[in-house]
Protein backbone atom coordinates (compact mmCIF):
# COMPACT_ATOMS: atom_id res chain seq x y z
CA MET A 1 -39.20 -18.30 5.60
CA THR A 2 -37.10 -15.51 4.14
CA ASN A 3 -33.89 -15.14 1.84
CA SER A 4 -30.55 -13.98 3.64
CA PRO A 5 -28.63 -11.28 1.59
CA VAL A 6 -25.39 -13.42 2.06
CA ASP A 7 -27.25 -16.35 0.57
CA LEU A 8 -25.55 -16.14 -3.11
CA GLU A 9 -27.94 -19.86 -4.29
CA GLY A 10 -31.04 -17.81 -3.15
CA PRO A 11 -33.45 -15.75 -5.19
CA VAL A 12 -32.82 -12.29 -3.70
CA CYS A 13 -29.12 -11.72 -3.99
CA PRO A 14 -28.03 -7.84 -3.83
CA ILE A 15 -24.37 -8.65 -5.28
CA PRO A 16 -24.21 -8.97 -8.90
CA LEU A 17 -22.61 -12.64 -10.04
CA ARG A 18 -21.47 -13.76 -13.27
CA HIS A 19 -22.14 -17.17 -14.14
CA ASP A 20 -19.23 -19.72 -12.91
CA GLU A 21 -17.31 -16.76 -12.57
CA LYS A 22 -13.79 -17.54 -10.50
CA ILE A 23 -11.32 -15.66 -8.38
CA VAL A 24 -7.94 -15.18 -10.34
CA LEU A 25 -4.66 -13.81 -9.39
CA GLY A 26 -5.38 -10.60 -10.71
CA HIS A 27 -8.07 -10.06 -8.28
CA GLY A 28 -5.35 -9.74 -5.65
CA SER A 29 -3.38 -6.98 -7.61
CA GLY A 30 -4.62 -3.85 -6.34
CA GLY A 31 -5.25 -2.76 -9.83
CA ARG A 32 -8.60 -2.47 -11.84
CA MET A 33 -9.71 -6.07 -10.84
CA SER A 34 -9.51 -5.71 -6.99
CA HIS A 35 -11.53 -2.68 -7.28
CA GLU A 36 -14.07 -4.25 -9.69
CA LEU A 37 -14.09 -7.17 -6.83
CA ILE A 38 -14.32 -5.08 -3.98
CA GLY A 39 -16.98 -2.61 -5.52
CA ARG A 40 -19.01 -5.75 -6.42
CA LEU A 41 -18.84 -8.17 -3.16
CA PHE A 42 -17.93 -5.99 -0.27
CA GLN A 43 -18.67 -2.52 -0.20
CA THR A 44 -22.57 -2.59 -0.58
CA PRO A 45 -22.62 -5.72 1.82
CA PHE A 46 -20.49 -3.87 4.58
CA ASP A 47 -21.08 0.02 3.50
CA ASN A 48 -20.43 2.47 5.99
CA PRO A 49 -18.96 5.59 5.83
CA ALA A 50 -15.44 4.96 7.13
CA LEU A 51 -15.35 2.13 4.73
CA ARG A 52 -16.67 3.75 1.78
CA ALA A 53 -13.88 6.50 2.06
CA GLY A 54 -11.84 4.16 0.20
CA ASP A 55 -8.87 4.97 2.39
CA ASP A 56 -5.60 2.94 3.91
CA ALA A 57 -7.89 2.76 7.11
CA GLY A 58 -10.79 3.24 8.63
CA VAL A 59 -11.48 6.44 10.75
CA VAL A 60 -14.09 5.91 13.62
CA ALA A 61 -15.05 8.32 16.86
CA ILE A 62 -15.61 6.47 20.38
CA ASP A 63 -16.50 9.67 22.79
CA ALA A 64 -14.05 12.49 22.04
CA ALA A 65 -10.78 9.65 20.80
CA ARG A 66 -10.53 9.53 16.77
CA LEU A 67 -9.16 6.21 15.89
CA ALA A 68 -7.71 5.21 12.75
CA ILE A 69 -8.18 1.06 12.01
CA SER A 70 -6.52 -1.25 9.25
CA THR A 71 -6.15 -4.73 8.50
CA ASP A 72 -3.81 -6.49 6.09
CA SER A 73 -2.53 -10.07 5.23
CA HIS A 74 0.37 -11.26 3.93
CA VAL A 75 1.41 -14.18 1.45
CA VAL A 76 4.68 -13.07 0.21
CA TRP A 77 6.94 -15.66 -1.30
CA PRO A 78 9.34 -16.47 -0.51
CA LEU A 79 9.39 -16.27 3.28
CA PHE A 80 12.85 -14.27 3.38
CA PHE A 81 14.03 -11.95 0.18
CA PRO A 82 16.84 -9.18 0.44
CA GLY A 83 15.91 -6.63 2.62
CA GLY A 84 13.20 -8.24 4.69
CA ASP A 85 11.05 -10.96 4.97
CA ILE A 86 7.23 -11.90 5.58
CA GLY A 87 7.29 -10.76 9.52
CA ARG A 88 8.83 -7.23 8.89
CA LEU A 89 6.70 -6.77 6.16
CA ALA A 90 3.23 -7.60 8.07
CA VAL A 91 4.28 -5.06 10.91
CA CYS A 92 5.33 -2.22 8.32
CA GLY A 93 2.31 -2.55 5.87
CA THR A 94 -0.13 -2.09 9.18
CA VAL A 95 1.88 0.47 10.62
CA ASN A 96 1.78 2.36 7.40
CA ASP A 97 -1.88 1.97 6.42
CA LEU A 98 -2.59 3.67 9.49
CA ALA A 99 0.39 6.70 9.40
CA MET A 100 -0.84 7.12 5.90
CA MET A 101 -3.90 8.83 7.41
CA GLY A 102 -2.15 11.10 9.42
CA ALA A 103 -2.89 8.94 12.48
CA THR A 104 0.13 7.55 15.12
CA PRO A 105 0.08 3.84 15.22
CA ARG A 106 -0.06 2.35 18.78
CA TYR A 107 -1.25 -1.28 18.89
CA LEU A 108 -1.04 -4.48 16.07
CA THR A 109 -2.40 -7.74 16.62
CA ALA A 110 -1.30 -10.20 14.89
CA GLY A 111 -2.54 -13.87 13.40
CA PHE A 112 -0.48 -16.68 11.88
CA ILE A 113 -1.75 -19.40 9.48
CA LEU A 114 1.09 -22.00 10.03
CA GLU A 115 1.60 -25.05 7.49
CA GLU A 116 2.07 -28.49 8.76
CA GLY A 117 6.01 -28.79 8.35
CA LEU A 118 6.74 -25.42 8.68
CA ASP A 119 10.44 -25.44 10.47
CA VAL A 120 10.18 -24.25 13.58
CA ALA A 121 13.26 -22.25 13.61
CA VAL A 122 12.02 -20.28 10.36
CA LEU A 123 8.78 -19.24 12.33
CA ALA A 124 11.20 -17.69 15.07
CA GLU A 125 12.96 -15.68 12.71
CA VAL A 126 9.81 -14.37 11.53
CA VAL A 127 8.64 -13.65 14.84
CA LEU A 128 11.90 -11.92 16.04
CA SER A 129 11.73 -9.96 12.38
CA MET A 130 8.17 -8.56 13.50
CA GLN A 131 9.33 -8.30 16.94
CA ALA A 132 12.76 -5.77 15.91
CA ALA A 133 10.19 -3.77 13.40
CA ALA A 134 7.54 -3.18 16.27
CA ALA A 135 10.12 -1.97 18.17
CA GLU A 136 11.63 0.56 15.52
CA ALA A 137 8.06 1.90 14.71
CA GLY A 138 7.06 2.04 18.91
CA VAL A 139 4.20 -0.47 18.80
CA GLN A 140 3.36 -3.10 20.49
CA ILE A 141 1.62 -6.61 19.31
CA VAL A 142 -0.99 -6.56 22.00
CA ALA A 143 -3.54 -9.86 20.71
CA GLY A 144 -2.72 -12.70 18.08
CA ASP A 145 -3.81 -16.14 17.15
CA THR A 146 -2.50 -19.28 15.72
CA LYS A 147 -3.96 -21.85 13.16
CA VAL A 148 -2.47 -24.78 11.52
CA VAL A 149 -3.87 -26.10 8.37
CA GLN A 150 -2.57 -29.07 6.42
CA ARG A 151 0.53 -29.24 4.75
CA GLY A 152 0.65 -28.10 1.14
CA LYS A 153 -2.10 -25.95 2.08
CA ALA A 154 -0.72 -22.31 3.24
CA ASP A 155 3.22 -22.29 1.57
CA GLY A 156 4.74 -22.54 4.91
CA LEU A 157 3.61 -19.47 6.30
CA TYR A 158 0.58 -16.64 6.17
CA ILE A 159 0.12 -13.45 8.66
CA ASN A 160 -2.40 -11.38 9.06
CA THR A 161 -2.32 -8.21 11.10
CA ALA A 162 -4.23 -5.30 12.29
CA GLY A 163 -4.01 -1.94 13.89
CA VAL A 164 -5.19 1.00 15.89
CA GLY A 165 -3.68 4.41 15.68
CA GLU A 166 -4.73 7.72 17.50
CA LEU A 167 -5.57 10.79 15.12
CA PRO A 168 -5.70 14.00 15.98
CA ALA A 169 -8.67 16.27 16.57
CA GLY A 170 -9.30 18.18 13.18
CA ARG A 171 -7.20 16.26 10.73
CA ALA A 172 -8.12 14.71 8.06
CA ILE A 173 -6.22 13.21 5.39
CA GLY A 174 -7.67 11.18 2.79
CA GLY A 175 -7.47 10.57 -1.14
CA ALA A 176 -10.31 13.09 -1.43
CA ALA A 177 -8.55 15.87 -0.54
CA ALA A 178 -6.35 16.37 -3.19
CA ARG A 179 -6.63 19.46 -4.62
CA PRO A 180 -5.91 21.62 -7.86
CA GLY A 181 -2.65 23.37 -7.16
CA ASP A 182 -1.04 20.52 -4.82
CA VAL A 183 2.39 19.29 -5.21
CA VAL A 184 3.09 15.70 -5.14
CA LEU A 185 6.29 14.52 -3.14
CA LEU A 186 7.69 10.77 -3.42
CA SER A 187 9.83 9.76 -0.72
CA GLY A 188 12.24 8.17 -2.75
CA PRO A 189 13.40 5.42 -5.73
CA ILE A 190 10.80 3.03 -6.61
CA GLY A 191 9.95 -0.58 -7.08
CA ASP A 192 12.66 -1.86 -4.99
CA HIS A 193 10.76 -4.53 -2.99
CA GLY A 194 8.66 -5.80 -6.09
CA ILE A 195 12.42 -6.41 -8.10
CA ALA A 196 13.47 -8.01 -4.96
CA VAL A 197 11.16 -10.34 -4.25
CA LEU A 198 11.15 -11.29 -7.66
CA SER A 199 14.74 -12.13 -7.55
CA ALA A 200 14.35 -13.77 -4.62
CA ARG A 201 12.23 -16.11 -6.58
CA GLY A 202 14.95 -17.00 -9.30
CA ASP A 203 12.56 -15.75 -11.89
CA LEU A 204 14.80 -12.76 -13.33
CA GLY A 205 17.44 -15.29 -14.78
CA PHE A 206 20.22 -13.19 -12.85
CA ASP A 207 21.15 -11.74 -9.40
CA ALA A 208 19.36 -8.38 -9.36
CA ASP A 209 21.33 -6.15 -6.54
CA VAL A 210 18.33 -5.08 -5.56
CA VAL A 211 17.25 -4.98 -1.45
CA SER A 212 13.45 -4.57 -0.79
CA ASP A 213 12.76 -0.85 0.55
CA VAL A 214 10.17 -2.33 3.46
CA ALA A 215 9.72 -0.34 6.16
CA PRO A 216 7.82 1.70 8.82
CA LEU A 217 7.22 5.35 7.36
CA ASN A 218 5.79 6.81 10.53
CA HIS A 219 8.47 8.48 11.76
CA LEU A 220 8.52 9.78 8.25
CA VAL A 221 4.98 10.93 8.48
CA ALA A 222 5.32 12.46 11.59
CA ALA A 223 7.91 15.07 10.75
CA LEU A 224 6.46 15.96 7.42
CA LEU A 225 2.72 16.79 9.50
CA ALA A 226 5.25 18.61 12.00
CA ALA A 227 6.17 20.96 8.61
CA GLY A 228 3.23 22.14 7.70
CA GLU A 229 -0.27 22.24 7.80
CA GLY A 230 -0.89 21.97 4.41
CA VAL A 231 -0.72 17.81 3.47
CA HIS A 232 -3.89 17.09 1.93
CA VAL A 233 -2.81 13.12 0.98
CA LEU A 234 -0.39 10.58 2.16
CA ARG A 235 -0.68 6.73 0.47
CA ASP A 236 1.82 4.21 0.15
CA PRO A 237 1.86 3.04 -3.27
CA THR A 238 1.97 -0.92 -2.50
CA ARG A 239 0.51 -3.30 -4.97
CA GLY A 240 0.02 -1.66 -8.56
CA GLY A 241 2.84 0.83 -7.65
CA VAL A 242 2.71 4.18 -7.83
CA ALA A 243 0.56 4.73 -10.95
CA THR A 244 -2.17 2.41 -9.40
CA THR A 245 -2.22 4.82 -6.12
CA LEU A 246 -2.76 7.97 -8.01
CA ASN A 247 -5.25 7.04 -10.11
CA GLU A 248 -7.22 5.88 -6.95
CA ILE A 249 -6.39 9.67 -5.34
CA ALA A 250 -7.85 11.21 -8.85
CA ARG A 251 -10.88 9.52 -9.04
CA GLN A 252 -11.19 10.10 -5.24
CA SER A 253 -10.69 13.72 -5.14
CA GLY A 254 -12.07 14.25 -8.81
CA THR A 255 -8.73 15.98 -10.02
CA ALA A 256 -5.77 15.59 -12.58
CA ILE A 257 -2.44 14.73 -11.22
CA ILE A 258 0.31 15.43 -13.63
CA LEU A 259 3.56 13.80 -13.30
CA ASP A 260 7.24 14.37 -14.37
CA GLU A 261 9.16 11.17 -15.73
CA ARG A 262 12.51 12.51 -15.92
CA ALA A 263 11.28 13.66 -12.12
CA ILE A 264 10.40 9.85 -11.08
CA PRO A 265 13.67 7.86 -9.51
CA VAL A 266 14.35 4.55 -10.44
CA ARG A 267 17.43 2.42 -9.56
CA PRO A 268 19.31 1.31 -12.22
CA PRO A 269 18.78 -2.69 -11.15
CA VAL A 270 15.36 -2.06 -10.79
CA VAL A 271 15.49 -0.05 -14.43
CA ALA A 272 17.24 -3.50 -16.16
CA ALA A 273 14.91 -5.84 -14.74
CA CYS A 274 12.04 -3.85 -15.69
CA GLU A 275 13.41 -3.12 -19.22
CA MET A 276 14.09 -7.12 -19.49
CA LEU A 277 10.72 -8.32 -18.36
CA GLY A 278 8.54 -5.57 -20.36
CA PHE A 279 7.69 -3.90 -17.21
CA ASP A 280 6.67 -0.46 -16.14
CA PRO A 281 8.31 0.80 -12.30
CA LEU A 282 5.44 2.42 -11.92
CA TYR A 283 3.49 -0.28 -11.75
CA VAL A 284 5.85 -1.99 -9.28
CA ALA A 285 5.12 -2.41 -5.65
CA ASN A 286 6.38 -1.03 -2.97
CA GLU A 287 6.72 -1.32 1.03
CA GLY A 288 8.76 1.60 2.24
CA LYS A 289 7.93 4.73 -0.05
CA LEU A 290 5.25 7.12 0.32
CA LEU A 291 3.49 9.95 -1.68
CA ALA A 292 2.57 13.25 -0.39
CA ILE A 293 0.09 15.50 -1.86
CA VAL A 294 1.04 18.93 -0.27
CA ALA A 295 -0.56 22.71 -0.51
CA ALA A 296 2.29 24.55 -3.09
CA ALA A 297 3.22 26.81 -0.27
CA ASP A 298 4.12 24.08 2.13
CA ALA A 299 5.85 21.67 -0.31
CA PRO A 300 9.24 23.07 0.52
CA ALA A 301 9.35 23.11 3.98
CA VAL A 302 7.83 19.28 4.06
CA LEU A 303 10.30 18.20 1.16
CA ALA A 304 12.98 19.65 3.63
CA ALA A 305 11.61 17.39 6.50
CA MET A 306 11.27 14.16 4.67
CA ARG A 307 14.93 14.29 3.54
CA ALA A 308 16.06 14.96 7.36
CA THR A 309 15.12 11.29 7.83
CA ARG A 310 15.93 8.20 7.67
CA TYR A 311 13.35 7.03 5.21
CA GLY A 312 13.13 10.50 3.22
CA GLU A 313 16.50 11.20 2.09
CA GLU A 314 15.52 10.71 -1.53
CA ALA A 315 12.27 12.51 -1.39
CA VAL A 316 11.53 14.55 -4.71
CA ILE A 317 9.25 16.49 -6.28
CA ILE A 318 7.60 14.25 -9.40
CA GLY A 319 4.32 16.55 -10.47
CA HIS A 320 1.38 18.51 -9.72
CA VAL A 321 -2.54 18.33 -9.00
CA GLN A 322 -5.08 19.92 -11.54
CA ALA A 323 -8.52 20.10 -12.11
CA THR A 324 -8.79 18.77 -15.64
CA PRO A 325 -8.72 16.03 -17.07
CA ALA A 326 -10.91 14.47 -13.62
CA GLY A 327 -9.77 11.49 -12.63
CA ARG A 328 -7.09 11.14 -14.87
CA VAL A 329 -3.36 10.40 -13.94
CA LEU A 330 -1.04 11.89 -17.34
CA LEU A 331 2.93 11.59 -17.38
CA ARG A 332 4.97 14.30 -19.35
CA THR A 333 7.67 11.99 -20.58
CA ALA A 334 11.33 12.80 -21.37
CA ILE A 335 11.01 13.46 -24.81
CA GLY A 336 8.13 16.27 -24.17
CA SER A 337 5.23 13.90 -25.13
CA THR A 338 2.26 13.45 -22.63
CA ARG A 339 0.44 9.81 -22.43
CA VAL A 340 -2.58 8.86 -19.88
CA VAL A 341 -1.05 6.56 -16.66
CA ASP A 342 -3.96 4.41 -15.89
CA MET A 343 -4.79 1.89 -13.32
CA LEU A 344 -2.92 -1.60 -13.47
CA ALA A 345 -5.60 -4.01 -14.91
CA GLY A 346 -4.71 -7.29 -13.46
CA GLU A 347 -1.79 -9.04 -11.75
CA MET A 348 2.14 -8.24 -13.02
CA LEU A 349 3.88 -9.97 -9.65
CA PRO A 350 1.63 -12.14 -7.76
CA ARG A 351 2.84 -13.04 -4.38
CA ILE A 352 4.78 -9.75 -3.55
CA CYS A 353 3.25 -8.86 -0.43
């Protein structure tokens, strides 16, 4: 008799476990707890070059074709929030993960987990929102699945989307490609999505005039890629926000990323909400913003191209890349000091995507 490597009760188990360890909300934060969970439980059993790269989508080759493949599950609550809903979020999230690899998104699949008692009119509204988002992005939903669970088991509706995009020969965009001397660009103000969802829950105690930024970014990506060949990294700062995303890139590339606090745009209502709750906007989720790390020579043209698009009109330069201290993100504050910006530790805003 042999022991299966996935038999967690057996004497041979390649996954390091701690006695009575349980999953908590922080494991879904996209921050340090998420990374530790992925590293311990998933990376070794599923190891392969595409997964090991640690980017927003896996890149695979079939004969002469190169494809980017990604999947995402969406559990946001409430289902509808200012500026979007779970359906638009599901489509845009996967489209954006493909686009961040420099791929052209083509096809999506959609899986629905429906709770008994969900109003069919609510489901219809979500489906129509997905249709509109897919049309805006220029993708088709070509396959799907539907399951129903008992009342009280799914908060109404969960959605999983997977996507496939075409990647041109020779294009190699990823977190490991950041280089000293590169410039860090941000497509617009941060924190809108997380605060909009929190406001929709009634958790703020006041109405915040904030609308989610959820949007498909593939057309913005196409425009900035056409403006210069020095685009090294693209990433959408979703769970964990800008701070966690840049920490991931710094560690992947073995570089340091230096930010200018005064250059980072945050809308006044987001600032007010964060100050009241004790949040740092750098850690609040976005669903329609991207970070681009670009060779300094190409940065002016790429920035201009971003500003000429619908979702990049407020793009700015927020920092640069240098060699040391490797794997770190530093922030030059408005008062002239410098502080370390670490990865989000646990869960700050649960159920936001």
